[in-house]
PDB file of N, CA and C in Angstrom:
ATOM      1  N   MET A   1      64.514  19.636 -11.947  1.00  0.00           N
ATOM      2  CA  MET A   1      63.799  18.851 -12.914  1.00  0.00           C
ATOM      3  C   MET A   1      62.293  18.967 -12.662  1.00  0.00           C
ATOM      4  N   ASN A   2      61.527  19.262 -13.700  1.00  0.00           N
ATOM      5  CA  ASN A   2      60.088  19.398 -13.568  1.00  0.00           C
ATOM      6  C   ASN A   2      59.418  18.042 -13.458  1.00  0.00           C
ATOM      7  N   ALA A   3      58.382  17.985 -12.627  1.00  0.00           N
ATOM      8  CA  ALA A   3      57.647  16.750 -12.385  1.00  0.00           C
ATOM      9  C   ALA A   3      56.183  17.086 -12.166  1.00  0.00           C
ATOM     10  N   ARG A   4      55.369  16.041 -12.134  1.00  0.00           N
ATOM     11  CA  ARG A   4      53.938  16.173 -11.867  1.00  0.00           C
ATOM     12  C   ARG A   4      53.532  15.046 -10.922  1.00  0.00           C
ATOM     13  N   TYR A   5      52.783  15.422  -9.871  1.00  0.00           N
ATOM     14  CA  TYR A   5      52.306  14.440  -8.908  1.00  0.00           C
ATOM     15  C   TYR A   5      50.818  14.628  -8.656  1.00  0.00           C
ATOM     16  N   HIS A   6      50.132  13.508  -8.490  1.00  0.00           N
ATOM     17  CA  HIS A   6      48.742  13.487  -8.044  1.00  0.00           C
ATOM     18  C   HIS A   6      48.794  13.075  -6.576  1.00  0.00           C
ATOM     19  N   ILE A   7      48.185  13.884  -5.704  1.00  0.00           N
ATOM     20  CA  ILE A   7      48.249  13.654  -4.265  1.00  0.00           C
ATOM     21  C   ILE A   7      46.830  13.534  -3.727  1.00  0.00           C
ATOM     22  N   LEU A   8      46.566  12.504  -2.927  1.00  0.00           N
ATOM     23  CA  LEU A   8      45.270  12.288  -2.316  1.00  0.00           C
ATOM     24  C   LEU A   8      45.475  12.154  -0.812  1.00  0.00           C
ATOM     25  N   ILE A   9      44.924  13.091  -0.053  1.00  0.00           N
ATOM     26  CA  ILE A   9      45.127  13.161   1.389  1.00  0.00           C
ATOM     27  C   ILE A   9      43.825  12.791   2.077  1.00  0.00           C
ATOM     28  N   SER A  10      43.858  11.797   2.958  1.00  0.00           N
ATOM     29  CA  SER A  10      42.667  11.326   3.666  1.00  0.00           C
ATOM     30  C   SER A  10      42.785  11.620   5.149  1.00  0.00           C
ATOM     31  N   GLY A  11      41.626  11.840   5.773  1.00  0.00           N
ATOM     32  CA  GLY A  11      41.569  12.082   7.208  1.00  0.00           C
ATOM     33  C   GLY A  11      40.581  13.176   7.513  1.00  0.00           C
ATOM     34  N   ASP A  12      40.806  13.868   8.610  1.00  0.00           N
ATOM     35  CA  ASP A  12      39.963  15.005   8.979  1.00  0.00           C
ATOM     36  C   ASP A  12      40.525  16.226   8.254  1.00  0.00           C
ATOM     37  N   VAL A  13      40.161  16.344   6.974  1.00  0.00           N
ATOM     38  CA  VAL A  13      40.774  17.361   6.104  1.00  0.00           C
ATOM     39  C   VAL A  13      39.748  18.298   5.459  1.00  0.00           C
ATOM     40  N   HIS A  14      38.459  18.141   5.794  1.00  0.00           N
ATOM     41  CA  HIS A  14      37.434  19.061   5.296  1.00  0.00           C
ATOM     42  C   HIS A  14      37.047  20.024   6.409  1.00  0.00           C
ATOM     43  N   GLY A  15      36.809  21.277   6.056  1.00  0.00           N
ATOM     44  CA  GLY A  15      36.373  22.267   7.036  1.00  0.00           C
ATOM     45  C   GLY A  15      37.463  22.725   7.979  1.00  0.00           C
ATOM     46  N   VAL A  16      38.716  22.484   7.614  1.00  0.00           N
ATOM     47  CA  VAL A  16      39.845  22.855   8.481  1.00  0.00           C
ATOM     48  C   VAL A  16      40.882  23.690   7.716  1.00  0.00           C
ATOM     49  N   PHE A  17      40.459  24.265   6.598  1.00  0.00           N
ATOM     50  CA  PHE A  17      41.311  25.128   5.759  1.00  0.00           C
ATOM     51  C   PHE A  17      42.466  24.382   5.110  1.00  0.00           C
ATOM     52  N   PHE A  18      42.279  23.076   4.871  1.00  0.00           N
ATOM     53  CA  PHE A  18      43.353  22.277   4.281  1.00  0.00           C
ATOM     54  C   PHE A  18      43.671  22.729   2.860  1.00  0.00           C
ATOM     55  N   ARG A  19      42.636  23.005   2.050  1.00  0.00           N
ATOM     56  CA  ARG A  19      42.888  23.443   0.670  1.00  0.00           C
ATOM     57  C   ARG A  19      43.663  24.755   0.652  1.00  0.00           C
ATOM     58  N   ALA A  20      43.265  25.688   1.491  1.00  0.00           N
ATOM     59  CA  ALA A  20      43.976  26.971   1.556  1.00  0.00           C
ATOM     60  C   ALA A  20      45.415  26.768   2.018  1.00  0.00           C
ATOM     61  N   PHE A  21      45.617  25.848   2.944  1.00  0.00           N
ATOM     62  CA  PHE A  21      46.948  25.508   3.452  1.00  0.00           C
ATOM     63  C   PHE A  21      47.828  24.993   2.309  1.00  0.00           C
ATOM     64  N   VAL A  22      47.278  24.060   1.515  1.00  0.00           N
ATOM     65  CA  VAL A  22      48.031  23.499   0.391  1.00  0.00           C
ATOM     66  C   VAL A  22      48.319  24.582  -0.643  1.00  0.00           C
ATOM     67  N   GLN A  23      47.313  25.382  -0.964  1.00  0.00           N
ATOM     68  CA  GLN A  23      47.495  26.432  -1.966  1.00  0.00           C
ATOM     69  C   GLN A  23      48.576  27.428  -1.528  1.00  0.00           C
ATOM     70  N   GLU A  24      48.535  27.838  -0.291  1.00  0.00           N
ATOM     71  CA  GLU A  24      49.531  28.802   0.208  1.00  0.00           C
ATOM     72  C   GLU A  24      50.945  28.243   0.098  1.00  0.00           C
ATOM     73  N   HIS A  25      51.140  26.998   0.525  1.00  0.00           N
ATOM     74  CA  HIS A  25      52.476  26.406   0.457  1.00  0.00           C
ATOM     75  C   HIS A  25      52.906  26.176  -0.995  1.00  0.00           C
ATOM     76  N   ALA A  26      51.986  25.751  -1.845  1.00  0.00           N
ATOM     77  CA  ALA A  26      52.314  25.537  -3.262  1.00  0.00           C
ATOM     78  C   ALA A  26      52.739  26.851  -3.918  1.00  0.00           C
ATOM     79  N   GLN A  27      52.018  27.922  -3.634  1.00  0.00           N
ATOM     80  CA  GLN A  27      52.374  29.219  -4.212  1.00  0.00           C
ATOM     81  C   GLN A  27      53.710  29.700  -3.681  1.00  0.00           C
ATOM     82  N   ASP A  28      53.960  29.511  -2.382  1.00  0.00           N
ATOM     83  CA  ASP A  28      55.255  29.901  -1.804  1.00  0.00           C
ATOM     84  C   ASP A  28      56.406  29.144  -2.466  1.00  0.00           C
ATOM     85  N   LEU A  29      56.145  27.911  -2.907  1.00  0.00           N
ATOM     86  CA  LEU A  29      57.170  27.077  -3.537  1.00  0.00           C
ATOM     87  C   LEU A  29      57.179  27.229  -5.060  1.00  0.00           C
ATOM     88  N   ASP A  30      56.367  28.135  -5.582  1.00  0.00           N
ATOM     89  CA  ASP A  30      56.259  28.401  -7.023  1.00  0.00           C
ATOM     90  C   ASP A  30      55.840  27.158  -7.803  1.00  0.00           C
ATOM     91  N   LEU A  31      54.875  26.417  -7.240  1.00  0.00           N
ATOM     92  CA  LEU A  31      54.339  25.239  -7.900  1.00  0.00           C
ATOM     93  C   LEU A  31      53.034  25.591  -8.595  1.00  0.00           C
ATOM     94  N   LYS A  32      52.652  24.820  -9.568  1.00  0.00           N
ATOM     95  CA  LYS A  32      51.434  25.052 -10.350  1.00  0.00           C
ATOM     96  C   LYS A  32      50.524  23.840 -10.230  1.00  0.00           C
ATOM     97  N   GLY A  33      49.214  24.055 -10.426  1.00  0.00           N
ATOM     98  CA  GLY A  33      48.261  22.959 -10.390  1.00  0.00           C
ATOM     99  C   GLY A  33      46.976  23.358  -9.718  1.00  0.00           C
ATOM    100  N   TRP A  34      46.369  22.427  -8.964  1.00  0.00           N
ATOM    101  CA  TRP A  34      45.111  22.705  -8.283  1.00  0.00           C
ATOM    102  C   TRP A  34      44.956  21.810  -7.058  1.00  0.00           C
ATOM    103  N   VAL A  35      44.023  22.223  -6.174  1.00  0.00           N
ATOM    104  CA  VAL A  35      43.657  21.449  -5.001  1.00  0.00           C
ATOM    105  C   VAL A  35      42.151  21.562  -4.831  1.00  0.00           C
ATOM    106  N   LYS A  36      41.505  20.458  -4.389  1.00  0.00           N
ATOM    107  CA  LYS A  36      40.056  20.488  -4.161  1.00  0.00           C
ATOM    108  C   LYS A  36      39.672  19.428  -3.135  1.00  0.00           C
ATOM    109  N   ASN A  37      38.492  19.601  -2.539  1.00  0.00           N
ATOM    110  CA  ASN A  37      37.926  18.572  -1.679  1.00  0.00           C
ATOM    111  C   ASN A  37      37.382  17.460  -2.552  1.00  0.00           C
ATOM    112  N   LYS A  38      37.424  16.265  -2.025  1.00  0.00           N
ATOM    113  CA  LYS A  38      36.870  15.118  -2.723  1.00  0.00           C
ATOM    114  C   LYS A  38      36.084  14.303  -1.702  1.00  0.00           C
ATOM    115  N   ARG A  39      34.909  13.877  -2.086  1.00  0.00           N
ATOM    116  CA  ARG A  39      34.090  13.069  -1.189  1.00  0.00           C
ATOM    117  C   ARG A  39      33.823  11.728  -1.866  1.00  0.00           C
ATOM    118  N   ASP A  40      34.316  10.667  -1.261  1.00  0.00           N
ATOM    119  CA  ASP A  40      34.132   9.317  -1.770  1.00  0.00           C
ATOM    120  C   ASP A  40      33.375   8.531  -0.699  1.00  0.00           C
ATOM    121  N   LYS A  41      32.038   8.494  -0.822  1.00  0.00           N
ATOM    122  CA  LYS A  41      31.146   7.916   0.189  1.00  0.00           C
ATOM    123  C   LYS A  41      31.352   8.669   1.498  1.00  0.00           C
ATOM    124  N   ASP A  42      31.804   8.005   2.536  1.00  0.00           N
ATOM    125  CA  ASP A  42      31.990   8.655   3.834  1.00  0.00           C
ATOM    126  C   ASP A  42      33.426   9.095   4.075  1.00  0.00           C
ATOM    127  N   VAL A  43      34.298   8.890   3.093  1.00  0.00           N
ATOM    128  CA  VAL A  43      35.715   9.227   3.247  1.00  0.00           C
ATOM    129  C   VAL A  43      35.934  10.680   2.827  1.00  0.00           C
ATOM    130  N   LYS A  44      36.537  11.447   3.707  1.00  0.00           N
ATOM    131  CA  LYS A  44      36.859  12.841   3.391  1.00  0.00           C
ATOM    132  C   LYS A  44      38.298  12.904   2.895  1.00  0.00           C
ATOM    133  N   GLN A  45      38.466  13.526   1.729  1.00  0.00           N
ATOM    134  CA  GLN A  45      39.798  13.618   1.140  1.00  0.00           C
ATOM    135  C   GLN A  45      40.001  14.987   0.509  1.00  0.00           C
ATOM    136  N   VAL A  46      41.264  15.358   0.404  1.00  0.00           N
ATOM    137  CA  VAL A  46      41.680  16.510  -0.389  1.00  0.00           C
ATOM    138  C   VAL A  46      42.564  15.951  -1.496  1.00  0.00           C
ATOM    139  N   GLU A  47      42.294  16.410  -2.714  1.00  0.00           N
ATOM    140  CA  GLU A  47      43.009  15.936  -3.896  1.00  0.00           C
ATOM    141  C   GLU A  47      43.768  17.098  -4.509  1.00  0.00           C
ATOM    142  N   ALA A  48      44.965  16.838  -4.980  1.00  0.00           N
ATOM    143  CA  ALA A  48      45.763  17.872  -5.635  1.00  0.00           C
ATOM    144  C   ALA A  48      46.545  17.282  -6.798  1.00  0.00           C
ATOM    145  N   VAL A  49      46.717  18.102  -7.810  1.00  0.00           N
ATOM    146  CA  VAL A  49      47.647  17.802  -8.899  1.00  0.00           C
ATOM    147  C   VAL A  49      48.640  18.949  -8.905  1.00  0.00           C
ATOM    148  N   VAL A  50      49.913  18.609  -8.824  1.00  0.00           N
ATOM    149  CA  VAL A  50      50.957  19.618  -8.654  1.00  0.00           C
ATOM    150  C   VAL A  50      52.052  19.412  -9.687  1.00  0.00           C
ATOM    151  N   GLU A  51      52.471  20.518 -10.312  1.00  0.00           N
ATOM    152  CA  GLU A  51      53.593  20.480 -11.247  1.00  0.00           C
ATOM    153  C   GLU A  51      54.640  21.508 -10.843  1.00  0.00           C
ATOM    154  N   GLY A  52      55.888  21.188 -11.156  1.00  0.00           N
ATOM    155  CA  GLY A  52      56.990  22.099 -10.892  1.00  0.00           C
ATOM    156  C   GLY A  52      58.240  21.323 -10.532  1.00  0.00           C
ATOM    157  N   ASP A  53      59.148  22.005  -9.870  1.00  0.00           N
ATOM    158  CA  ASP A  53      60.400  21.396  -9.446  1.00  0.00           C
ATOM    159  C   ASP A  53      60.126  20.219  -8.509  1.00  0.00           C
ATOM    160  N   GLU A  54      60.685  19.059  -8.826  1.00  0.00           N
ATOM    161  CA  GLU A  54      60.385  17.846  -8.058  1.00  0.00           C
ATOM    162  C   GLU A  54      60.753  17.968  -6.584  1.00  0.00           C
ATOM    163  N   ASP A  55      61.875  18.588  -6.276  1.00  0.00           N
ATOM    164  CA  ASP A  55      62.261  18.754  -4.874  1.00  0.00           C
ATOM    165  C   ASP A  55      61.258  19.630  -4.128  1.00  0.00           C
ATOM    166  N   LYS A  56      60.747  20.654  -4.794  1.00  0.00           N
ATOM    167  CA  LYS A  56      59.750  21.528  -4.159  1.00  0.00           C
ATOM    168  C   LYS A  56      58.423  20.798  -3.975  1.00  0.00           C
ATOM    169  N   ILE A  57      58.057  19.930  -4.915  1.00  0.00           N
ATOM    170  CA  ILE A  57      56.842  19.126  -4.751  1.00  0.00           C
ATOM    171  C   ILE A  57      56.991  18.205  -3.547  1.00  0.00           C
ATOM    172  N   LYS A  58      58.148  17.610  -3.388  1.00  0.00           N
ATOM    173  CA  LYS A  58      58.385  16.742  -2.236  1.00  0.00           C
ATOM    174  C   LYS A  58      58.302  17.533  -0.926  1.00  0.00           C
ATOM    175  N   GLU A  59      58.741  18.785  -0.964  1.00  0.00           N
ATOM    176  CA  GLU A  59      58.617  19.650   0.210  1.00  0.00           C
ATOM    177  C   GLU A  59      57.140  19.921   0.504  1.00  0.00           C
ATOM    178  N   LEU A  60      56.351  20.172  -0.539  1.00  0.00           N
ATOM    179  CA  LEU A  60      54.912  20.379  -0.361  1.00  0.00           C
ATOM    180  C   LEU A  60      54.261  19.135   0.235  1.00  0.00           C
ATOM    181  N   ILE A  61      54.655  17.962  -0.231  1.00  0.00           N
ATOM    182  CA  ILE A  61      54.098  16.718   0.296  1.00  0.00           C
ATOM    183  C   ILE A  61      54.381  16.595   1.789  1.00  0.00           C
ATOM    184  N   GLU A  62      55.557  16.999   2.225  1.00  0.00           N
ATOM    185  CA  GLU A  62      55.882  16.953   3.657  1.00  0.00           C
ATOM    186  C   GLU A  62      54.989  17.912   4.442  1.00  0.00           C
ATOM    187  N   HIS A  63      54.704  19.086   3.872  1.00  0.00           N
ATOM    188  CA  HIS A  63      53.754  20.011   4.517  1.00  0.00           C
ATOM    189  C   HIS A  63      52.385  19.342   4.620  1.00  0.00           C
ATOM    190  N   CYS A  64      51.976  18.643   3.562  1.00  0.00           N
ATOM    191  CA  CYS A  64      50.667  17.975   3.552  1.00  0.00           C
ATOM    192  C   CYS A  64      50.595  16.885   4.614  1.00  0.00           C
ATOM    193  N   ARG A  65      51.692  16.232   4.895  1.00  0.00           N
ATOM    194  CA  ARG A  65      51.701  15.189   5.930  1.00  0.00           C
ATOM    195  C   ARG A  65      51.364  15.789   7.294  1.00  0.00           C
ATOM    196  N   GLN A  66      51.762  17.037   7.505  1.00  0.00           N
ATOM    197  CA  GLN A  66      51.483  17.727   8.770  1.00  0.00           C
ATOM    198  C   GLN A  66      50.097  18.364   8.748  1.00  0.00           C
ATOM    199  N   GLY A  67      49.783  19.058   7.668  1.00  0.00           N
ATOM    200  CA  GLY A  67      48.503  19.742   7.538  1.00  0.00           C
ATOM    201  C   GLY A  67      48.387  20.926   8.480  1.00  0.00           C
ATOM    202  N   PRO A  68      47.295  21.679   8.350  1.00  0.00           N
ATOM    203  CA  PRO A  68      47.071  22.798   9.272  1.00  0.00           C
ATOM    204  C   PRO A  68      46.770  22.256  10.676  1.00  0.00           C
ATOM    205  N   PRO A  69      46.902  23.095  11.707  1.00  0.00           N
ATOM    206  CA  PRO A  69      46.763  22.627  13.091  1.00  0.00           C
ATOM    207  C   PRO A  69      45.459  21.890  13.411  1.00  0.00           C
ATOM    208  N   SER A  70      44.354  22.253  12.792  1.00  0.00           N
ATOM    209  CA  SER A  70      43.067  21.641  13.132  1.00  0.00           C
ATOM    210  C   SER A  70      42.762  20.373  12.324  1.00  0.00           C
ATOM    211  N   SER A  71      43.694  19.919  11.503  1.00  0.00           N
ATOM    212  CA  SER A  71      43.470  18.740  10.664  1.00  0.00           C
ATOM    213  C   SER A  71      44.129  17.508  11.277  1.00  0.00           C
ATOM    214  N   THR A  72      43.697  16.344  10.780  1.00  0.00           N
ATOM    215  CA  THR A  72      44.342  15.081  11.116  1.00  0.00           C
ATOM    216  C   THR A  72      44.535  14.319   9.810  1.00  0.00           C
ATOM    217  N   VAL A  73      45.772  14.110   9.431  1.00  0.00           N
ATOM    218  CA  VAL A  73      46.076  13.381   8.199  1.00  0.00           C
ATOM    219  C   VAL A  73      46.270  11.913   8.558  1.00  0.00           C
ATOM    220  N   GLU A  74      45.438  11.059   7.948  1.00  0.00           N
ATOM    221  CA  GLU A  74      45.527   9.630   8.211  1.00  0.00           C
ATOM    222  C   GLU A  74      46.328   8.898   7.140  1.00  0.00           C
ATOM    223  N   LYS A  75      46.245   9.384   5.892  1.00  0.00           N
ATOM    224  CA  LYS A  75      46.887   8.668   4.795  1.00  0.00           C
ATOM    225  C   LYS A  75      47.139   9.628   3.637  1.00  0.00           C
ATOM    226  N   ILE A  76      48.257   9.439   2.946  1.00  0.00           N
ATOM    227  CA  ILE A  76      48.548  10.200   1.727  1.00  0.00           C
ATOM    228  C   ILE A  76      48.920   9.209   0.632  1.00  0.00           C
ATOM    229  N   GLU A  77      48.231   9.314  -0.491  1.00  0.00           N
ATOM    230  CA  GLU A  77      48.559   8.511  -1.667  1.00  0.00           C
ATOM    231  C   GLU A  77      49.208   9.444  -2.684  1.00  0.00           C
ATOM    232  N   ILE A  78      50.353   9.040  -3.204  1.00  0.00           N
ATOM    233  CA  ILE A  78      51.123   9.882  -4.123  1.00  0.00           C
ATOM    234  C   ILE A  78      51.403   9.084  -5.390  1.00  0.00           C
ATOM    235  N   LYS A  79      51.062   9.676  -6.525  1.00  0.00           N
ATOM    236  CA  LYS A  79      51.340   9.032  -7.808  1.00  0.00           C
ATOM    237  C   LYS A  79      52.065  10.030  -8.706  1.00  0.00           C
ATOM    238  N   LYS A  80      53.217   9.624  -9.185  1.00  0.00           N
ATOM    239  CA  LYS A  80      53.940  10.454 -10.133  1.00  0.00           C
ATOM    240  C   LYS A  80      53.292  10.288 -11.506  1.00  0.00           C
ATOM    241  N   GLN A  81      53.118  11.406 -12.202  1.00  0.00           N
ATOM    242  CA  GLN A  81      52.510  11.398 -13.519  1.00  0.00           C
ATOM    243  C   GLN A  81      53.439  12.082 -14.505  1.00  0.00           C
ATOM    244  N   GLU A  82      53.090  12.026 -15.756  1.00  0.00           N
ATOM    245  CA  GLU A  82      53.891  12.682 -16.784  1.00  0.00           C
ATOM    246  C   GLU A  82      53.686  14.196 -16.706  1.00  0.00           C
ATOM    247  N   TYR A  83      54.774  14.938 -16.673  1.00  0.00           N
ATOM    248  CA  TYR A  83      54.725  16.401 -16.632  1.00  0.00           C
ATOM    249  C   TYR A  83      54.131  16.929 -17.931  1.00  0.00           C
ATOM    250  N   THR A  84      53.180  17.883 -17.811  1.00  0.00           N
ATOM    251  CA  THR A  84      52.545  18.448 -18.999  1.00  0.00           C
ATOM    252  C   THR A  84      52.809  19.938 -19.174  1.00  0.00           C
ATOM    253  N   GLY A  85      53.072  20.649 -18.087  1.00  0.00           N
ATOM    254  CA  GLY A  85      53.267  22.098 -18.170  1.00  0.00           C
ATOM    255  C   GLY A  85      51.995  22.861 -18.472  1.00  0.00           C
ATOM    256  N   GLU A  86      50.833  22.243 -18.202  1.00  0.00           N
ATOM    257  CA  GLU A  86      49.551  22.848 -18.570  1.00  0.00           C
ATOM    258  C   GLU A  86      49.082  23.966 -17.648  1.00  0.00           C
ATOM    259  N   PHE A  87      49.653  24.083 -16.463  1.00  0.00           N
ATOM    260  CA  PHE A  87      49.169  25.059 -15.481  1.00  0.00           C
ATOM    261  C   PHE A  87      50.007  26.339 -15.470  1.00  0.00           C
ATOM    262  N   THR A  88      49.343  27.459 -15.229  1.00  0.00           N
ATOM    263  CA  THR A  88      50.047  28.734 -15.104  1.00  0.00           C
ATOM    264  C   THR A  88      49.995  29.268 -13.683  1.00  0.00           C
ATOM    265  N   THR A  89      49.082  28.696 -12.861  1.00  0.00           N
ATOM    266  CA  THR A  89      48.922  29.119 -11.469  1.00  0.00           C
ATOM    267  C   THR A  89      48.629  27.892 -10.621  1.00  0.00           C
ATOM    268  N   PHE A  90      48.455  28.116  -9.329  1.00  0.00           N
ATOM    269  CA  PHE A  90      47.959  27.067  -8.447  1.00  0.00           C
ATOM    270  C   PHE A  90      46.598  27.493  -7.953  1.00  0.00           C
ATOM    271  N   SER A  91      45.561  26.754  -8.351  1.00  0.00           N
ATOM    272  CA  SER A  91      44.191  27.164  -8.049  1.00  0.00           C
ATOM    273  C   SER A  91      43.536  26.316  -6.978  1.00  0.00           C
ATOM    274  N   PHE A  92      42.520  26.890  -6.417  1.00  0.00           N
ATOM    275  CA  PHE A  92      41.707  26.314  -5.355  1.00  0.00           C
ATOM    276  C   PHE A  92      40.382  25.960  -6.014  1.00  0.00           C
ATOM    277  N   GLU A  93      40.111  24.681  -6.215  1.00  0.00           N
ATOM    278  CA  GLU A  93      38.907  24.244  -6.932  1.00  0.00           C
ATOM    279  C   GLU A  93      37.792  23.958  -5.919  1.00  0.00           C
ATOM    280  N   TYR A  94      36.568  24.113  -6.368  1.00  0.00           N
ATOM    281  CA  TYR A  94      35.393  23.853  -5.534  1.00  0.00           C
ATOM    282  C   TYR A  94      34.668  22.615  -6.033  1.00  0.00           C
ATOM    283  N   LEU A  95      33.925  21.963  -5.131  1.00  0.00           N
ATOM    284  CA  LEU A  95      33.135  20.772  -5.497  1.00  0.00           C
ATOM    285  C   LEU A  95      32.061  21.137  -6.499  1.00  0.00           C
TER     286      LEU A  95
END
């Protein structure tokens, strides 16, 4: 079943290849959407919108909980959204 999730990952997630980590796992799982860094005052976050098979999205979320070796994930906020099918790839967005 296709689904769409908005994921916000907080912690030591900038400058540690977190976006590339998410993109690689999303592509391996055949998911579509985007990932980017987000800066909210002094809080460092990575934000992603992901569409595709719901079980595969949940698998991606578990990868995000671990993150790449040099990262520290403190918190993940997950919001299910209405599936749109608007994406054809999984992209790496820049600030």
